[in-house]
């Protein structure tokens, strides 16, 4: 199945062309990304200075969990005051680019990952909290551990889409990531339920049987999980339109070597999931049209090529066939 890219392909292509040494040109382009994220690439001062701005629906939530620190770490020397109507901006001077081609490619890659890096803040914070809780828990038995260590950290809510959110909670032995997702159409609800309750569960169970122990535990339910008990703003589960997908990340997923990859993979889950629902519907519709065309062809072949114009009765009288 298709895996979605973590970076914005259009931004990556445009900046690669600009950084290649081609003559500077004026740019004023709006680029849309998943989850309502919008980029604006422009040259307001001069053709050699490219301003890249990003607007994220949940930017205030991300700032609360350390997004500014993550963005400063990734884009420090390029950060400028945010463009009006956007949440974060950087500016790149084409006349002062790194001389090393590999360094230029890395800069292009970082800029095209701006959405991913902004969304990474709550996950990085959860991973750091997990390490602290794990260190504290190692000093106690499971019964004598303080209540704060047993319960873990706060539930971090990222409302990245209308009526949908990602919830991240760190504990001493795991990090739990919960996606709430809305199914607007009845058919989407059926596909999603089959995909999550049957397909995903079977895939991960089969993965474990094949000794692939790196797969996280995945759970699906239509009522809020216990980890979300007391969290305000949850939708009414009685409508059947909302589902909760829970990923349980264990310490083997949270090592320093794997953190970046885990964050990139898990961020794209919602888009990956709904993309494949739409792709499955399109595939089934194409099969239905193909089957209908086959049936029509059978009917056409069953019709005699030379139809009789006249027939006779038993008494010898003739009549025309209409």
Protein backbone atom coordinates (compact mmCIF):
# COMPACT_ATOMS: atom_id res chain seq x y z
CA UNK A 1 0.00 0.00 0.00
CA UNK A 2 1.09 3.57 -0.66
CA UNK A 3 2.97 5.37 2.12
CA UNK A 4 2.51 9.13 2.15
CA UNK A 5 5.56 11.40 2.12
CA UNK A 6 6.44 13.19 5.34
CA UNK A 7 7.66 16.28 3.52
CA UNK A 8 5.82 18.67 1.22
CA UNK A 9 6.77 17.58 -2.29
CA UNK A 10 5.89 20.88 -3.98
CA UNK A 11 8.02 22.94 -1.58
CA UNK A 12 10.88 20.48 -1.92
CA UNK A 13 10.73 20.69 -5.73
CA UNK A 14 10.44 24.48 -5.84
CA UNK A 15 13.33 25.11 -3.41
CA UNK A 16 15.54 22.52 -5.08
CA UNK A 17 15.10 24.43 -8.34
CA UNK A 18 15.76 27.80 -6.67
CA UNK A 19 18.84 26.52 -4.81
CA UNK A 20 20.35 25.03 -7.97
CA UNK A 21 21.72 28.38 -9.13
CA UNK A 22 19.00 29.27 -11.64
CA UNK A 23 18.29 33.03 -12.07
CA UNK A 24 16.13 34.43 -9.21
CA UNK A 25 12.47 35.00 -10.03
CA UNK A 26 9.55 36.49 -8.16
CA UNK A 27 7.51 33.96 -6.15
CA UNK A 28 4.05 34.31 -4.66
CA UNK A 29 2.59 30.86 -4.18
CA UNK A 30 0.14 29.31 -1.70
CA UNK A 31 0.78 25.63 -0.99
CA UNK A 32 -1.73 23.43 0.83
CA UNK A 33 -0.80 20.43 2.91
CA UNK A 34 -2.64 17.79 4.92
CA UNK A 35 -4.87 18.69 7.88
CA UNK A 36 -5.60 22.22 6.69
CA UNK A 37 -1.95 23.36 6.88
CA UNK A 38 -1.11 26.19 4.49
CA UNK A 39 2.27 27.49 3.29
CA UNK A 40 3.04 30.78 1.59
CA UNK A 41 6.23 31.14 -0.46
CA UNK A 42 6.97 34.67 -1.58
CA UNK A 43 9.73 37.19 -2.34
CA UNK A 44 8.42 40.41 -0.75
CA UNK A 45 11.81 42.14 -0.41
CA UNK A 46 13.81 40.93 -3.40
CA UNK A 47 13.94 38.01 -5.80
CA UNK A 48 16.92 36.53 -3.94
CA UNK A 49 15.18 36.38 -0.54
CA UNK A 50 12.49 33.70 -0.24
CA UNK A 51 10.02 33.97 2.66
CA UNK A 52 8.39 30.70 3.71
CA UNK A 53 5.45 30.95 6.11
CA UNK A 54 3.23 28.27 7.62
CA UNK A 55 -0.26 28.36 9.12
CA UNK A 56 -1.32 25.47 11.36
CA UNK A 57 -4.80 25.18 12.84
CA UNK A 58 -3.49 23.86 16.17
CA UNK A 59 -0.39 26.08 16.44
CA UNK A 60 -1.39 27.42 19.87
CA UNK A 61 -1.64 23.85 21.17
CA UNK A 62 1.78 23.06 19.69
CA UNK A 63 3.37 26.16 21.25
CA UNK A 64 2.06 25.06 24.64
CA UNK A 65 3.98 21.79 24.24
CA UNK A 66 7.26 23.28 23.02
CA UNK A 67 6.87 23.89 19.28
CA UNK A 68 8.79 27.16 19.38
CA UNK A 69 11.82 25.40 20.86
CA UNK A 70 11.71 22.66 18.21
CA UNK A 71 11.37 25.19 15.38
CA UNK A 72 14.19 27.32 16.82
CA UNK A 73 16.40 24.23 16.94
CA UNK A 74 15.67 23.35 13.31
CA UNK A 75 15.53 26.82 11.68
CA UNK A 76 17.32 29.14 14.14
CA UNK A 77 19.35 31.43 11.82
CA UNK A 78 16.52 31.71 9.27
CA UNK A 79 13.65 32.65 11.61
CA UNK A 80 11.98 36.04 11.05
CA UNK A 81 8.84 37.68 12.41
CA UNK A 82 5.71 35.74 11.33
CA UNK A 83 4.02 36.98 8.20
CA UNK A 84 0.55 38.44 8.91
CA UNK A 85 -2.02 35.67 8.80
CA UNK A 86 0.57 32.94 9.43
CA UNK A 87 2.03 31.38 12.56
CA UNK A 88 5.72 30.98 11.74
CA UNK A 89 8.07 32.30 9.05
CA UNK A 90 11.64 31.80 7.89
CA UNK A 91 13.59 33.65 5.22
CA UNK A 92 16.31 32.19 3.01
CA UNK A 93 18.78 34.39 1.12
CA UNK A 94 19.81 32.73 -2.14
CA UNK A 95 23.03 34.74 -2.09
CA UNK A 96 24.09 33.29 1.27
CA UNK A 97 23.33 29.61 0.88
CA UNK A 98 25.69 26.91 2.20
CA UNK A 99 28.45 26.17 -0.30
CA UNK A 100 28.33 22.42 0.26
CA UNK A 101 25.68 20.82 -2.03
CA UNK A 102 24.86 18.27 0.68
CA UNK A 103 24.20 21.08 3.16
CA UNK A 104 21.89 22.76 0.63
CA UNK A 105 19.96 19.54 0.12
CA UNK A 106 19.64 19.17 3.89
CA UNK A 107 18.28 22.72 4.17
CA UNK A 108 15.70 22.00 1.47
CA UNK A 109 14.71 18.83 3.29
CA UNK A 110 14.32 20.67 6.61
CA UNK A 111 12.16 23.39 5.11
CA UNK A 112 9.91 20.88 3.34
CA UNK A 113 9.50 19.13 6.74
CA UNK A 114 8.33 22.28 8.53
CA UNK A 115 4.84 20.92 9.17
CA UNK A 116 6.26 17.64 10.47
CA UNK A 117 8.72 19.43 12.76
CA UNK A 118 6.06 21.72 14.22
CA UNK A 119 3.77 18.75 14.93
CA UNK A 120 6.67 16.80 16.50
CA UNK A 121 6.80 18.97 19.64
CA UNK A 122 4.20 17.13 21.79
CA UNK A 123 5.64 13.75 20.79
CA UNK A 124 9.17 14.79 21.74
CA UNK A 125 7.89 16.12 25.05
CA UNK A 126 6.05 12.86 25.72
CA UNK A 127 9.18 10.83 24.95
CA UNK A 128 11.22 12.95 27.36
CA UNK A 129 8.55 12.58 30.06
CA UNK A 130 8.55 8.82 29.52
CA UNK A 131 12.32 8.70 30.12
CA UNK A 132 11.91 10.65 33.39
CA UNK A 133 9.02 8.49 34.61
CA UNK A 134 10.92 5.32 33.70
CA UNK A 135 13.94 6.50 35.70
CA UNK A 136 11.75 7.32 38.70
CA UNK A 137 9.84 4.04 38.46
CA UNK A 138 13.07 2.05 38.47
CA UNK A 139 13.63 3.16 42.07
CA UNK A 140 10.38 1.58 43.29
CA UNK A 141 8.38 -1.58 42.99
CA UNK A 142 5.09 -1.41 41.11
CA UNK A 143 3.17 -1.24 44.40
CA UNK A 144 5.34 1.35 46.16
CA UNK A 145 5.75 3.77 43.24
CA UNK A 146 4.27 7.23 43.88
CA UNK A 147 0.87 7.90 42.34
CA UNK A 148 2.29 10.46 39.89
CA UNK A 149 4.76 7.92 38.54
CA UNK A 150 2.09 5.22 38.18
CA UNK A 151 -0.42 7.49 36.44
CA UNK A 152 2.08 9.17 34.14
CA UNK A 153 1.95 12.66 32.68
CA UNK A 154 -0.88 14.85 31.48
CA UNK A 155 -2.86 14.12 28.35
CA UNK A 156 -1.63 16.50 25.66
CA UNK A 157 -4.44 17.37 23.22
CA UNK A 158 -3.63 18.62 19.71
CA UNK A 159 -6.81 19.77 17.94
CA UNK A 160 -5.32 19.63 14.46
CA UNK A 161 -8.61 19.30 12.55
CA UNK A 162 -12.23 20.37 13.05
CA UNK A 163 -13.73 17.97 15.62
CA UNK A 164 -10.66 15.72 15.48
CA UNK A 165 -7.63 15.61 17.75
CA UNK A 166 -4.50 13.69 18.68
CA UNK A 167 -4.02 12.86 22.37
CA UNK A 168 -0.56 11.96 23.68
CA UNK A 169 0.12 10.62 27.18
CA UNK A 170 3.46 9.50 28.63
CA UNK A 171 3.80 6.78 31.28
CA UNK A 172 6.76 5.04 32.85
CA UNK A 173 6.39 1.98 30.60
CA UNK A 174 4.79 3.39 27.42
CA UNK A 175 3.61 6.39 25.43
CA UNK A 176 -0.02 6.26 24.34
CA UNK A 177 -1.12 8.10 21.20
CA UNK A 178 -4.86 8.32 20.50
CA UNK A 179 -6.42 9.61 17.27
CA UNK A 180 -10.05 10.66 17.22
CA UNK A 181 -11.41 10.54 13.69
CA UNK A 182 -14.74 11.50 12.15
CA UNK A 183 -16.57 9.43 9.52
CA UNK A 184 -18.87 11.82 7.68
CA UNK A 185 -20.44 9.24 5.38
CA UNK A 186 -22.09 5.95 6.24
CA UNK A 187 -19.92 4.08 3.74
CA UNK A 188 -16.77 5.60 5.24
CA UNK A 189 -17.93 4.42 8.65
CA UNK A 190 -18.32 0.85 7.39
CA UNK A 191 -14.99 0.86 5.57
CA UNK A 192 -13.22 2.38 8.55
CA UNK A 193 -14.66 -0.14 10.98
CA UNK A 194 -13.66 -3.07 8.78
CA UNK A 195 -10.22 -1.62 8.14
CA UNK A 196 -9.50 -0.92 11.82
CA UNK A 197 -11.25 -3.77 13.61
CA UNK A 198 -10.41 -6.49 11.11
CA UNK A 199 -7.65 -5.33 8.79
CA UNK A 200 -5.31 -3.50 11.18
CA UNK A 201 -5.74 -5.99 14.01
CA UNK A 202 -5.09 -8.92 11.67
CA UNK A 203 -2.04 -7.25 10.16
CA UNK A 204 -0.42 -6.54 13.51
CA UNK A 205 -1.28 -9.98 14.90
CA UNK A 206 0.18 -11.54 11.77
CA UNK A 207 3.26 -9.33 12.13
CA UNK A 208 3.83 -10.61 15.64
CA UNK A 209 3.38 -14.20 14.47
CA UNK A 210 6.08 -13.56 11.89
CA UNK A 211 8.40 -12.47 14.71
CA UNK A 212 8.24 -8.78 13.81
CA UNK A 213 8.22 -7.57 17.38
CA UNK A 214 8.67 -3.89 16.53
CA UNK A 215 5.00 -3.33 15.68
CA UNK A 216 3.09 -1.24 18.27
CA UNK A 217 -0.18 -2.36 19.79
CA UNK A 218 -3.18 -0.86 17.95
CA UNK A 219 -6.71 -0.69 19.35
CA UNK A 220 -9.96 0.71 17.94
CA UNK A 221 -13.15 1.66 19.76
CA UNK A 222 -16.05 4.06 19.28
CA UNK A 223 -16.22 5.27 22.87
CA UNK A 224 -13.39 7.32 24.46
CA UNK A 225 -10.56 5.19 25.93
CA UNK A 226 -9.91 5.29 29.67
CA UNK A 227 -6.83 7.45 29.10
CA UNK A 228 -9.19 10.26 28.00
CA UNK A 229 -11.35 10.11 31.12
CA UNK A 230 -12.00 13.66 32.25
CA UNK A 231 -10.59 15.29 29.09
CA UNK A 232 -12.96 18.13 28.07
CA UNK A 233 -14.37 18.58 24.59
CA UNK A 234 -14.84 14.94 23.60
CA UNK A 235 -17.57 14.32 21.03
CA UNK A 236 -20.67 12.28 21.80
CA UNK A 237 -19.86 8.64 20.94
CA UNK A 238 -23.55 7.79 20.48
CA UNK A 239 -23.68 9.17 16.94
CA UNK A 240 -21.34 6.49 15.58
CA UNK A 241 -19.50 9.08 13.48
CA UNK A 242 -16.40 9.17 15.67
CA UNK A 243 -13.83 6.49 16.35
CA UNK A 244 -10.72 6.33 18.53
CA UNK A 245 -7.55 4.63 17.32
CA UNK A 246 -4.98 3.97 20.05
CA UNK A 247 -1.29 3.31 19.45
CA UNK A 248 0.74 2.00 22.38
CA UNK A 249 4.42 2.80 21.95
CA UNK A 250 6.70 0.73 24.15
CA UNK A 251 10.30 1.53 25.19
CA UNK A 252 11.69 -0.27 22.13
CA UNK A 253 9.94 2.34 19.95
CA UNK A 254 11.27 5.27 21.98
CA UNK A 255 15.02 4.83 21.66
CA UNK A 256 17.03 7.82 20.45
CA UNK A 257 17.77 6.02 17.19
CA UNK A 258 14.11 5.44 16.37
CA UNK A 259 12.31 8.50 17.74
CA UNK A 260 12.41 10.63 14.59
CA UNK A 261 11.13 7.80 12.41
CA UNK A 262 8.35 6.93 14.88
CA UNK A 263 7.20 10.56 15.01
CA UNK A 264 7.17 10.83 11.23
CA UNK A 265 5.24 7.58 10.79
CA UNK A 266 2.59 8.21 13.42
CA UNK A 267 1.85 11.76 12.26
CA UNK A 268 0.71 10.53 8.86
CA UNK A 269 -1.61 7.83 10.20
CA UNK A 270 -4.87 9.78 9.91
CA UNK A 271 -4.16 10.93 6.35
CA UNK A 272 -2.93 7.45 5.39
CA UNK A 273 -6.05 5.86 6.89
CA UNK A 274 -8.60 8.10 5.15
CA UNK A 275 -6.66 8.04 1.90
CA UNK A 276 -6.95 4.27 1.75
CA UNK A 277 -10.66 4.38 2.61
CA UNK A 278 -11.18 6.60 -0.44
CA UNK A 279 -8.87 4.43 -2.55
CA UNK A 280 -10.79 1.28 -1.53
CA UNK A 281 -14.10 2.89 -2.46
CA UNK A 282 -12.73 3.96 -5.85
CA UNK A 283 -11.38 0.46 -6.48
CA UNK A 284 -14.68 -1.24 -5.61
CA UNK A 285 -16.63 1.23 -7.77
CA UNK A 286 -14.31 0.51 -10.69
CA UNK A 287 -14.87 -3.23 -10.21
CA UNK A 288 -18.65 -2.67 -10.14
CA UNK A 289 -18.50 -0.70 -13.40
CA UNK A 290 -16.34 -3.41 -14.97
CA UNK A 291 -18.78 -6.12 -13.88
CA UNK A 292 -21.72 -4.13 -15.26
CA UNK A 293 -19.91 -3.74 -18.58
CA UNK A 294 -19.30 -7.52 -18.66
CA UNK A 295 -23.00 -8.23 -18.02
CA UNK A 296 -24.04 -5.84 -20.80
CA UNK A 297 -21.63 -7.56 -23.16
CA UNK A 298 -23.16 -10.95 -22.29
CA UNK A 299 -26.63 -9.57 -23.01
CA UNK A 300 -25.52 -8.16 -26.36
CA UNK A 301 -24.01 -11.52 -27.33
CA UNK A 302 -27.22 -13.34 -26.36
CA UNK A 303 -29.26 -11.30 -28.88
CA UNK A 304 -29.53 -13.02 -32.31
CA UNK A 305 -27.68 -11.20 -35.05
CA UNK A 306 -30.31 -11.96 -37.76
CA UNK A 307 -33.70 -11.70 -36.20
CA UNK A 308 -36.65 -13.31 -37.93
CA UNK A 309 -39.03 -10.79 -39.47
CA UNK A 310 -41.96 -13.23 -40.01
CA UNK A 311 -43.12 -16.37 -38.26
CA UNK A 312 -45.83 -18.95 -39.01
CA UNK A 313 -48.49 -20.40 -36.80
CA UNK A 314 -49.42 -24.11 -36.76
CA UNK A 315 -52.26 -23.42 -39.20
CA UNK A 316 -49.90 -21.83 -41.73
CA UNK A 317 -50.81 -18.20 -41.16
CA UNK A 318 -47.87 -15.76 -41.01
CA UNK A 319 -47.34 -12.73 -38.74
CA UNK A 320 -44.62 -10.07 -38.39
CA UNK A 321 -42.32 -9.98 -35.37
CA UNK A 322 -42.17 -6.51 -33.83
